[in-house]
């Protein structure tokens, strides 16, 4: 019992210091289409392409991101990857480490050219390992293996919670 008390005391000291004076993320205001350091995804509406999703994967640390927008050419940057995937059914499990039963890729488009602007809206701090990002894709062209293109003039994916681990 004494050991349990000491453990409880230790945890309360460790975690109570984060409660005061910390700038915490308001989880009611975030978009949950993200995870890790970091992956962001969203649905896109295209004619005859139901269950189509855009994915942007970014190596945050390599890009030195901050609260100001930074612009990158996607196809020329090894630390950014983006694709569009059409599935046979709906899926919102892109941040899970297990397969979705019966989910199959029907088509895949890779980035040919275009720009992404990225900013950290709410950064990590002493109390938060998670953070919030916003991305703006501009004039991005995606191409599939048959040479068919999808062109996005502008796609904003905002206030996405990232930083938490896939699971």
N, C-alpha and C. Protein backbone atom coordinates (compact mmCIF):
# COMPACT_ATOMS: atom_id res chain seq x y z
N UNK A 1 0.82 -1.18 0.00
CA UNK A 1 0.00 0.00 0.00
C UNK A 1 0.87 1.26 0.00
N UNK A 2 1.95 1.20 0.77
CA UNK A 2 2.85 2.33 0.85
C UNK A 2 3.48 2.61 -0.51
N UNK A 3 3.85 1.55 -1.23
CA UNK A 3 4.44 1.68 -2.57
C UNK A 3 3.43 2.34 -3.53
N UNK A 4 2.17 1.94 -3.45
CA UNK A 4 1.12 2.51 -4.29
C UNK A 4 1.00 4.01 -4.01
N UNK A 5 1.03 4.40 -2.74
CA UNK A 5 0.93 5.80 -2.36
C UNK A 5 2.08 6.61 -2.97
N UNK A 6 3.31 6.08 -2.89
CA UNK A 6 4.46 6.79 -3.46
C UNK A 6 4.35 6.92 -4.99
N UNK A 7 3.87 5.88 -5.62
CA UNK A 7 3.66 5.94 -7.08
C UNK A 7 2.62 6.99 -7.43
N UNK A 8 1.53 7.02 -6.69
CA UNK A 8 0.48 8.00 -6.90
C UNK A 8 1.02 9.41 -6.69
N UNK A 9 1.79 9.60 -5.67
CA UNK A 9 2.39 10.90 -5.39
C UNK A 9 3.34 11.32 -6.51
N UNK A 10 4.16 10.38 -6.98
CA UNK A 10 5.10 10.67 -8.07
C UNK A 10 4.35 11.10 -9.33
N UNK A 11 3.31 10.36 -9.69
CA UNK A 11 2.54 10.72 -10.89
C UNK A 11 1.85 12.06 -10.73
N UNK A 12 1.32 12.34 -9.56
CA UNK A 12 0.64 13.62 -9.37
C UNK A 12 1.61 14.79 -9.47
N UNK A 13 2.83 14.63 -8.98
CA UNK A 13 3.84 15.69 -9.09
C UNK A 13 4.28 15.86 -10.54
N UNK A 14 4.52 14.75 -11.22
CA UNK A 14 4.96 14.83 -12.61
C UNK A 14 3.93 15.48 -13.51
N UNK A 15 2.68 15.13 -13.33
CA UNK A 15 1.66 15.60 -14.26
C UNK A 15 0.95 16.87 -13.80
N UNK A 16 0.99 17.20 -12.55
CA UNK A 16 0.32 18.41 -12.09
C UNK A 16 1.06 19.66 -12.55
N UNK A 17 2.36 19.58 -12.75
CA UNK A 17 3.12 20.75 -13.19
C UNK A 17 2.72 21.17 -14.59
N UNK A 18 2.13 20.26 -15.35
CA UNK A 18 1.71 20.60 -16.71
C UNK A 18 0.35 21.26 -16.75
N UNK A 19 -0.41 21.16 -15.69
CA UNK A 19 -1.76 21.69 -15.72
C UNK A 19 -1.80 23.21 -15.63
N UNK A 20 -0.85 23.81 -14.96
CA UNK A 20 -0.88 25.24 -14.77
C UNK A 20 0.07 25.92 -15.74
N UNK A 21 -0.43 26.95 -16.39
CA UNK A 21 0.40 27.76 -17.25
C UNK A 21 0.71 27.15 -18.62
N UNK A 22 0.10 26.05 -18.94
CA UNK A 22 0.36 25.42 -20.23
C UNK A 22 -0.67 25.84 -21.26
N UNK A 23 -0.20 25.98 -22.46
CA UNK A 23 -1.07 26.27 -23.59
C UNK A 23 -1.50 24.95 -24.19
N UNK A 24 -2.68 24.47 -23.80
CA UNK A 24 -3.14 23.16 -24.25
C UNK A 24 -4.00 23.29 -25.50
N UNK A 25 -4.00 22.24 -26.29
CA UNK A 25 -4.80 22.19 -27.52
C UNK A 25 -6.26 21.98 -27.15
N UNK A 26 -7.14 22.79 -27.73
CA UNK A 26 -8.57 22.60 -27.56
C UNK A 26 -9.01 21.52 -28.55
N UNK A 27 -9.21 20.32 -28.06
CA UNK A 27 -9.50 19.18 -28.93
C UNK A 27 -10.84 19.28 -29.63
N UNK A 28 -11.69 20.20 -29.19
CA UNK A 28 -12.98 20.38 -29.88
C UNK A 28 -12.81 21.19 -31.16
N UNK A 29 -11.66 21.82 -31.35
CA UNK A 29 -11.44 22.67 -32.52
C UNK A 29 -10.53 22.05 -33.58
N UNK A 30 -10.09 20.83 -33.37
CA UNK A 30 -9.13 20.23 -34.31
C UNK A 30 -9.80 19.27 -35.28
N UNK A 31 -9.15 19.09 -36.38
CA UNK A 31 -9.50 18.12 -37.41
C UNK A 31 -8.70 16.86 -37.07
N UNK A 32 -9.35 15.72 -36.94
CA UNK A 32 -8.70 14.49 -36.50
C UNK A 32 -8.11 13.68 -37.65
N UNK A 33 -7.97 14.27 -38.84
CA UNK A 33 -7.45 13.54 -40.00
C UNK A 33 -5.92 13.63 -40.08
N UNK A 34 -5.25 13.21 -39.02
CA UNK A 34 -3.80 13.23 -39.01
C UNK A 34 -3.24 12.41 -37.87
N UNK A 35 -1.92 12.19 -37.91
CA UNK A 35 -1.23 11.48 -36.83
C UNK A 35 0.28 11.55 -37.08
N UNK A 36 1.03 10.98 -36.16
CA UNK A 36 2.48 10.88 -36.31
C UNK A 36 3.16 12.22 -36.48
N UNK A 37 4.36 12.20 -37.03
CA UNK A 37 5.14 13.44 -37.24
C UNK A 37 5.37 13.72 -38.71
N UNK A 38 4.53 13.86 -39.63
CA UNK A 38 3.11 13.75 -39.53
C UNK A 38 2.50 13.30 -40.85
N UNK A 39 1.29 12.74 -40.72
CA UNK A 39 0.47 12.32 -41.85
C UNK A 39 -0.83 13.11 -41.76
N UNK A 40 -1.25 13.67 -42.89
CA UNK A 40 -2.52 14.38 -42.97
C UNK A 40 -3.29 13.79 -44.14
N UNK A 41 -4.58 13.58 -43.96
CA UNK A 41 -5.39 13.04 -45.05
C UNK A 41 -6.75 13.71 -45.05
N UNK A 42 -7.42 13.65 -46.19
CA UNK A 42 -8.74 14.23 -46.32
C UNK A 42 -9.44 13.61 -47.52
N UNK A 43 -10.75 13.68 -47.53
CA UNK A 43 -11.49 13.21 -48.70
C UNK A 43 -11.43 14.29 -49.77
N UNK A 44 -11.51 13.87 -51.00
CA UNK A 44 -11.65 14.82 -52.10
C UNK A 44 -12.82 14.39 -52.95
N UNK A 45 -13.51 15.35 -53.49
CA UNK A 45 -14.68 15.08 -54.31
C UNK A 45 -14.31 15.21 -55.77
N UNK A 46 -14.43 14.11 -56.48
CA UNK A 46 -14.15 14.08 -57.91
C UNK A 46 -15.30 13.36 -58.61
N UNK A 47 -15.62 13.77 -59.82
CA UNK A 47 -16.68 13.06 -60.55
C UNK A 47 -16.29 11.59 -60.76
N UNK A 48 -17.20 10.69 -60.50
CA UNK A 48 -17.00 9.25 -60.69
C UNK A 48 -15.89 8.66 -59.83
N UNK A 49 -15.53 9.32 -58.76
CA UNK A 49 -14.47 8.82 -57.89
C UNK A 49 -14.91 8.89 -56.42
N UNK A 50 -15.84 8.04 -56.05
CA UNK A 50 -16.27 7.95 -54.66
C UNK A 50 -15.16 7.27 -53.85
N UNK A 51 -15.08 7.58 -52.57
CA UNK A 51 -14.09 7.00 -51.65
C UNK A 51 -12.65 7.33 -52.08
N UNK A 52 -12.44 8.58 -52.41
CA UNK A 52 -11.12 9.04 -52.85
C UNK A 52 -10.54 9.97 -51.78
N UNK A 53 -9.27 9.72 -51.45
CA UNK A 53 -8.63 10.44 -50.35
C UNK A 53 -7.27 10.97 -50.79
N UNK A 54 -6.94 12.13 -50.25
CA UNK A 54 -5.61 12.70 -50.47
C UNK A 54 -4.80 12.48 -49.19
N UNK A 55 -3.55 12.16 -49.36
CA UNK A 55 -2.64 11.90 -48.26
C UNK A 55 -1.40 12.79 -48.44
N UNK A 56 -0.97 13.42 -47.35
CA UNK A 56 0.28 14.17 -47.36
C UNK A 56 1.08 13.71 -46.15
N UNK A 57 2.28 13.21 -46.40
CA UNK A 57 3.17 12.75 -45.34
C UNK A 57 4.37 13.68 -45.31
N UNK A 58 4.70 14.17 -44.12
CA UNK A 58 5.75 15.18 -43.98
C UNK A 58 6.71 14.77 -42.86
N UNK A 59 8.00 14.91 -43.10
CA UNK A 59 9.01 14.74 -42.05
C UNK A 59 9.23 16.11 -41.41
N UNK A 60 8.48 16.37 -40.37
CA UNK A 60 8.45 17.70 -39.75
C UNK A 60 9.84 18.20 -39.34
N UNK A 61 10.60 17.35 -38.70
CA UNK A 61 11.90 17.76 -38.17
C UNK A 61 12.87 18.17 -39.28
N UNK A 62 12.84 17.47 -40.39
CA UNK A 62 13.75 17.78 -41.50
C UNK A 62 13.41 19.10 -42.18
N UNK A 63 12.16 19.55 -42.07
CA UNK A 63 11.73 20.76 -42.75
C UNK A 63 11.76 22.00 -41.86
N UNK A 64 12.06 21.81 -40.58
CA UNK A 64 12.16 22.94 -39.65
C UNK A 64 10.92 23.84 -39.71
N UNK A 65 9.77 23.25 -39.51
CA UNK A 65 8.51 23.98 -39.60
C UNK A 65 8.27 24.82 -38.36
N UNK A 66 7.48 25.88 -38.54
CA UNK A 66 7.20 26.80 -37.44
C UNK A 66 5.79 27.36 -37.59
N UNK A 67 5.51 28.44 -36.89
CA UNK A 67 4.20 29.08 -36.93
C UNK A 67 3.95 29.88 -38.19
N UNK A 68 4.98 30.09 -38.98
CA UNK A 68 4.83 30.81 -40.25
C UNK A 68 4.75 29.80 -41.39
N UNK A 69 3.96 30.14 -42.41
CA UNK A 69 3.87 29.24 -43.56
C UNK A 69 5.22 29.13 -44.25
N UNK A 70 5.58 27.90 -44.60
CA UNK A 70 6.75 27.63 -45.44
C UNK A 70 6.26 26.91 -46.67
N UNK A 71 6.81 27.28 -47.81
CA UNK A 71 6.35 26.74 -49.08
C UNK A 71 7.39 25.75 -49.64
N UNK A 72 6.89 24.63 -50.18
CA UNK A 72 7.77 23.59 -50.71
C UNK A 72 7.20 23.06 -52.02
N UNK A 73 8.08 22.76 -52.97
CA UNK A 73 7.69 22.02 -54.16
C UNK A 73 7.64 20.55 -53.75
N UNK A 74 6.45 19.97 -53.81
CA UNK A 74 6.27 18.61 -53.29
C UNK A 74 7.13 17.59 -54.02
N UNK A 75 7.10 17.62 -55.33
CA UNK A 75 7.80 16.60 -56.12
C UNK A 75 9.32 16.73 -56.07
N UNK A 76 9.82 17.85 -55.54
CA UNK A 76 11.26 18.06 -55.47
C UNK A 76 11.80 17.94 -54.05
N UNK A 77 10.96 17.53 -53.11
CA UNK A 77 11.38 17.49 -51.72
C UNK A 77 11.25 16.06 -51.18
N UNK A 78 12.35 15.48 -50.79
CA UNK A 78 12.35 14.10 -50.31
C UNK A 78 11.68 13.94 -48.95
N UNK A 79 11.34 15.04 -48.29
CA UNK A 79 10.75 14.98 -46.96
C UNK A 79 9.24 15.20 -46.99
N UNK A 80 8.67 15.28 -48.20
CA UNK A 80 7.22 15.43 -48.38
C UNK A 80 6.76 14.42 -49.42
N UNK A 81 5.68 13.74 -49.10
CA UNK A 81 5.09 12.79 -50.04
C UNK A 81 3.59 13.02 -50.08
N UNK A 82 3.01 12.98 -51.26
CA UNK A 82 1.57 13.12 -51.37
C UNK A 82 1.06 12.22 -52.48
N UNK A 83 -0.10 11.65 -52.24
CA UNK A 83 -0.77 10.87 -53.28
C UNK A 83 -2.27 10.99 -53.10
N UNK A 84 -3.00 10.53 -54.11
CA UNK A 84 -4.45 10.41 -54.05
C UNK A 84 -4.77 8.95 -54.30
N UNK A 85 -5.61 8.39 -53.44
CA UNK A 85 -5.96 6.98 -53.55
C UNK A 85 -7.47 6.83 -53.61
N UNK A 86 -7.92 6.03 -54.58
CA UNK A 86 -9.34 5.68 -54.69
C UNK A 86 -9.49 4.25 -54.17
N UNK A 87 -10.38 4.09 -53.18
CA UNK A 87 -10.63 2.77 -52.59
C UNK A 87 -11.98 2.22 -53.04
N UNK A 88 -12.18 0.96 -52.78
CA UNK A 88 -13.45 0.31 -53.13
C UNK A 88 -14.55 0.60 -52.11
N UNK A 89 -14.19 1.14 -50.95
CA UNK A 89 -15.19 1.50 -49.94
C UNK A 89 -14.61 2.59 -49.05
N UNK A 90 -15.47 3.15 -48.22
CA UNK A 90 -15.06 4.24 -47.34
C UNK A 90 -14.07 3.76 -46.29
N UNK A 91 -13.10 4.63 -45.98
CA UNK A 91 -12.14 4.32 -44.93
C UNK A 91 -11.66 5.61 -44.29
N UNK A 92 -11.63 5.62 -42.97
CA UNK A 92 -11.04 6.74 -42.24
C UNK A 92 -9.99 6.21 -41.27
N UNK A 93 -9.38 5.10 -41.61
CA UNK A 93 -8.45 4.43 -40.72
C UNK A 93 -7.00 4.56 -41.20
N UNK A 94 -6.63 5.72 -41.72
CA UNK A 94 -5.28 5.88 -42.27
C UNK A 94 -4.21 5.94 -41.19
N UNK A 95 -4.60 6.18 -39.97
CA UNK A 95 -3.64 6.25 -38.88
C UNK A 95 -3.70 5.02 -37.99
N UNK A 96 -4.13 3.94 -38.54
CA UNK A 96 -4.16 2.68 -37.81
C UNK A 96 -3.06 1.77 -38.36
N UNK A 97 -2.53 0.93 -37.50
CA UNK A 97 -1.47 0.03 -37.95
C UNK A 97 -1.98 -1.37 -38.26
N UNK A 98 -3.27 -1.48 -38.54
CA UNK A 98 -3.83 -2.75 -38.95
C UNK A 98 -4.67 -2.54 -40.22
N UNK A 99 -4.78 -3.54 -41.06
CA UNK A 99 -5.52 -3.38 -42.31
C UNK A 99 -7.03 -3.31 -42.07
N UNK A 100 -7.70 -2.55 -42.92
CA UNK A 100 -9.15 -2.47 -42.87
C UNK A 100 -9.70 -3.62 -43.70
N UNK A 101 -10.56 -4.41 -43.11
CA UNK A 101 -11.09 -5.59 -43.75
C UNK A 101 -11.77 -5.28 -45.09
N UNK A 102 -11.29 -5.89 -46.15
CA UNK A 102 -11.89 -5.75 -47.47
C UNK A 102 -11.56 -4.47 -48.21
N UNK A 103 -10.70 -3.64 -47.64
CA UNK A 103 -10.34 -2.38 -48.30
C UNK A 103 -9.33 -2.65 -49.40
N UNK A 104 -9.65 -2.21 -50.61
CA UNK A 104 -8.75 -2.42 -51.75
C UNK A 104 -8.53 -1.11 -52.49
N UNK A 105 -7.33 -0.92 -52.98
CA UNK A 105 -7.00 0.25 -53.78
C UNK A 105 -7.48 0.01 -55.21
N UNK A 106 -8.28 0.95 -55.71
CA UNK A 106 -8.75 0.86 -57.09
C UNK A 106 -7.91 1.68 -58.05
N UNK A 107 -7.36 2.78 -57.56
CA UNK A 107 -6.46 3.60 -58.38
C UNK A 107 -5.60 4.45 -57.47
N UNK A 108 -4.44 4.84 -57.99
CA UNK A 108 -3.47 5.62 -57.23
C UNK A 108 -2.84 6.66 -58.14
N UNK A 109 -2.83 7.90 -57.68
CA UNK A 109 -2.20 9.00 -58.41
C UNK A 109 -1.05 9.53 -57.56
N UNK A 110 0.12 9.74 -58.19
CA UNK A 110 1.30 10.28 -57.51
C UNK A 110 1.50 11.73 -57.88
N UNK A 111 2.21 12.44 -57.04
CA UNK A 111 2.48 13.85 -57.30
C UNK A 111 3.40 14.01 -58.50
N UNK A 112 2.99 14.82 -59.42
CA UNK A 112 3.81 15.16 -60.59
C UNK A 112 4.47 16.52 -60.39
N UNK A 113 3.69 17.48 -59.88
CA UNK A 113 4.21 18.81 -59.60
C UNK A 113 3.24 19.55 -58.69
N UNK A 114 3.72 20.60 -58.08
CA UNK A 114 2.87 21.43 -57.23
C UNK A 114 3.53 21.85 -55.95
N UNK A 115 2.84 22.71 -55.23
CA UNK A 115 3.38 23.33 -54.03
C UNK A 115 2.50 23.04 -52.83
N UNK A 116 3.14 22.90 -51.69
CA UNK A 116 2.40 22.81 -50.42
C UNK A 116 2.97 23.87 -49.49
N UNK A 117 2.06 24.58 -48.83
CA UNK A 117 2.43 25.53 -47.79
C UNK A 117 2.02 24.90 -46.47
N UNK A 118 2.93 24.91 -45.50
CA UNK A 118 2.69 24.23 -44.23
C UNK A 118 3.02 25.19 -43.08
N UNK A 119 2.19 25.14 -42.06
CA UNK A 119 2.51 25.89 -40.84
C UNK A 119 2.05 25.13 -39.63
N UNK A 120 2.77 25.30 -38.54
CA UNK A 120 2.40 24.72 -37.25
C UNK A 120 1.48 25.74 -36.58
N UNK A 121 0.22 25.38 -36.39
CA UNK A 121 -0.76 26.27 -35.79
C UNK A 121 -0.59 26.32 -34.28
N UNK A 122 -0.38 25.16 -33.68
CA UNK A 122 -0.17 25.04 -32.24
C UNK A 122 0.94 24.02 -32.04
N UNK A 123 2.08 24.46 -31.53
CA UNK A 123 3.25 23.58 -31.44
C UNK A 123 3.25 22.76 -30.15
N UNK A 124 4.14 21.78 -30.13
CA UNK A 124 4.38 20.98 -28.93
C UNK A 124 4.88 21.92 -27.83
N UNK A 125 4.67 21.52 -26.58
CA UNK A 125 5.23 22.26 -25.46
C UNK A 125 5.49 21.29 -24.31
N UNK A 126 5.81 21.80 -23.15
CA UNK A 126 6.17 20.93 -22.03
C UNK A 126 5.01 20.04 -21.58
N UNK A 127 3.81 20.38 -21.99
CA UNK A 127 2.64 19.59 -21.59
C UNK A 127 1.99 18.84 -22.74
N UNK A 128 2.34 19.17 -23.95
CA UNK A 128 1.70 18.58 -25.13
C UNK A 128 2.74 17.98 -26.07
N UNK A 129 2.61 16.70 -26.37
CA UNK A 129 3.44 16.09 -27.41
C UNK A 129 2.78 16.23 -28.77
N UNK A 130 1.48 16.49 -28.77
CA UNK A 130 0.75 16.66 -30.01
C UNK A 130 0.85 18.11 -30.47
N UNK A 131 0.51 18.34 -31.72
CA UNK A 131 0.51 19.69 -32.26
C UNK A 131 -0.52 19.76 -33.38
N UNK A 132 -0.77 20.97 -33.86
CA UNK A 132 -1.79 21.19 -34.88
C UNK A 132 -1.14 21.84 -36.09
N UNK A 133 -1.46 21.31 -37.28
CA UNK A 133 -0.87 21.83 -38.53
C UNK A 133 -1.97 22.22 -39.51
N UNK A 134 -1.61 23.13 -40.41
CA UNK A 134 -2.45 23.47 -41.55
C UNK A 134 -1.61 23.38 -42.80
N UNK A 135 -2.19 22.77 -43.85
CA UNK A 135 -1.52 22.64 -45.15
C UNK A 135 -2.39 23.26 -46.22
N UNK A 136 -1.75 23.90 -47.18
CA UNK A 136 -2.44 24.41 -48.36
C UNK A 136 -1.71 23.86 -49.58
N UNK A 137 -2.40 23.01 -50.32
CA UNK A 137 -1.86 22.47 -51.57
C UNK A 137 -2.28 23.42 -52.69
N UNK A 138 -1.31 23.81 -53.53
CA UNK A 138 -1.60 24.76 -54.61
C UNK A 138 -1.08 24.23 -55.93
N UNK A 139 -1.98 24.24 -56.91
CA UNK A 139 -1.62 23.83 -58.28
C UNK A 139 -0.86 22.50 -58.31
N UNK A 140 -1.42 21.52 -57.60
CA UNK A 140 -0.77 20.22 -57.53
C UNK A 140 -1.39 19.30 -58.58
N UNK A 141 -0.52 18.69 -59.37
CA UNK A 141 -0.94 17.74 -60.38
C UNK A 141 -0.54 16.35 -59.93
N UNK A 142 -1.50 15.43 -59.96
CA UNK A 142 -1.28 14.03 -59.64
C UNK A 142 -1.50 13.22 -60.91
N UNK A 143 -0.73 12.16 -61.09
CA UNK A 143 -0.84 11.35 -62.30
C UNK A 143 -0.87 9.87 -61.92
N UNK A 144 -1.72 9.09 -62.61
CA UNK A 144 -1.78 7.66 -62.35
C UNK A 144 -0.95 6.89 -63.38
N UNK A 145 -0.94 5.58 -63.28
CA UNK A 145 -0.11 4.75 -64.17
C UNK A 145 -0.59 4.76 -65.61
N UNK A 146 -1.81 5.23 -65.85
CA UNK A 146 -2.33 5.33 -67.22
C UNK A 146 -2.18 6.73 -67.81
N UNK A 147 -1.54 7.62 -67.06
CA UNK A 147 -1.33 8.99 -67.53
C UNK A 147 -2.49 9.93 -67.26
N UNK A 148 -3.52 9.47 -66.55
CA UNK A 148 -4.66 10.33 -66.20
C UNK A 148 -4.25 11.25 -65.05
N UNK A 149 -4.61 12.52 -65.18
CA UNK A 149 -4.20 13.50 -64.20
C UNK A 149 -5.38 14.02 -63.38
N UNK A 150 -5.08 14.36 -62.14
CA UNK A 150 -5.99 15.11 -61.27
C UNK A 150 -5.23 16.38 -60.91
N UNK A 151 -5.86 17.53 -61.14
CA UNK A 151 -5.23 18.81 -60.83
C UNK A 151 -6.03 19.49 -59.72
N UNK A 152 -5.35 19.78 -58.63
CA UNK A 152 -5.96 20.52 -57.53
C UNK A 152 -5.43 21.96 -57.57
N UNK A 153 -6.31 22.90 -57.84
CA UNK A 153 -5.91 24.32 -57.86
C UNK A 153 -5.54 24.77 -56.45
N UNK A 154 -6.41 24.41 -55.49
CA UNK A 154 -6.11 24.72 -54.09
C UNK A 154 -6.92 23.77 -53.21
N UNK A 155 -6.25 23.19 -52.26
CA UNK A 155 -6.88 22.30 -51.27
C UNK A 155 -6.31 22.68 -49.91
N UNK A 156 -7.19 23.13 -49.03
CA UNK A 156 -6.77 23.52 -47.68
C UNK A 156 -7.19 22.41 -46.71
N UNK A 157 -6.24 21.95 -45.94
CA UNK A 157 -6.51 20.97 -44.88
C UNK A 157 -6.03 21.64 -43.60
N UNK A 158 -6.99 22.12 -42.81
CA UNK A 158 -6.59 22.97 -41.69
C UNK A 158 -6.87 22.39 -40.32
N UNK A 159 -6.06 22.87 -39.39
CA UNK A 159 -6.19 22.53 -37.97
C UNK A 159 -6.21 21.03 -37.70
N UNK A 160 -5.24 20.33 -38.29
CA UNK A 160 -5.17 18.87 -38.15
C UNK A 160 -4.28 18.53 -36.95
N UNK A 161 -4.82 17.68 -36.07
CA UNK A 161 -4.05 17.22 -34.92
C UNK A 161 -3.01 16.19 -35.40
N UNK A 162 -1.78 16.39 -35.03
CA UNK A 162 -0.69 15.49 -35.39
C UNK A 162 0.17 15.26 -34.15
N UNK A 163 1.17 14.40 -34.31
CA UNK A 163 2.09 14.13 -33.21
C UNK A 163 1.76 12.87 -32.44
N UNK A 164 0.49 12.48 -32.39
CA UNK A 164 0.18 11.26 -31.66
C UNK A 164 0.53 10.06 -32.52
N UNK A 165 0.84 8.98 -31.88
CA UNK A 165 1.37 7.81 -32.57
C UNK A 165 0.27 6.97 -33.19
N UNK A 166 0.62 6.35 -34.29
CA UNK A 166 -0.28 5.44 -34.98
C UNK A 166 -0.56 4.25 -34.07
N UNK A 167 -1.82 3.81 -34.05
CA UNK A 167 -2.12 2.68 -33.18
C UNK A 167 -3.47 2.11 -33.40
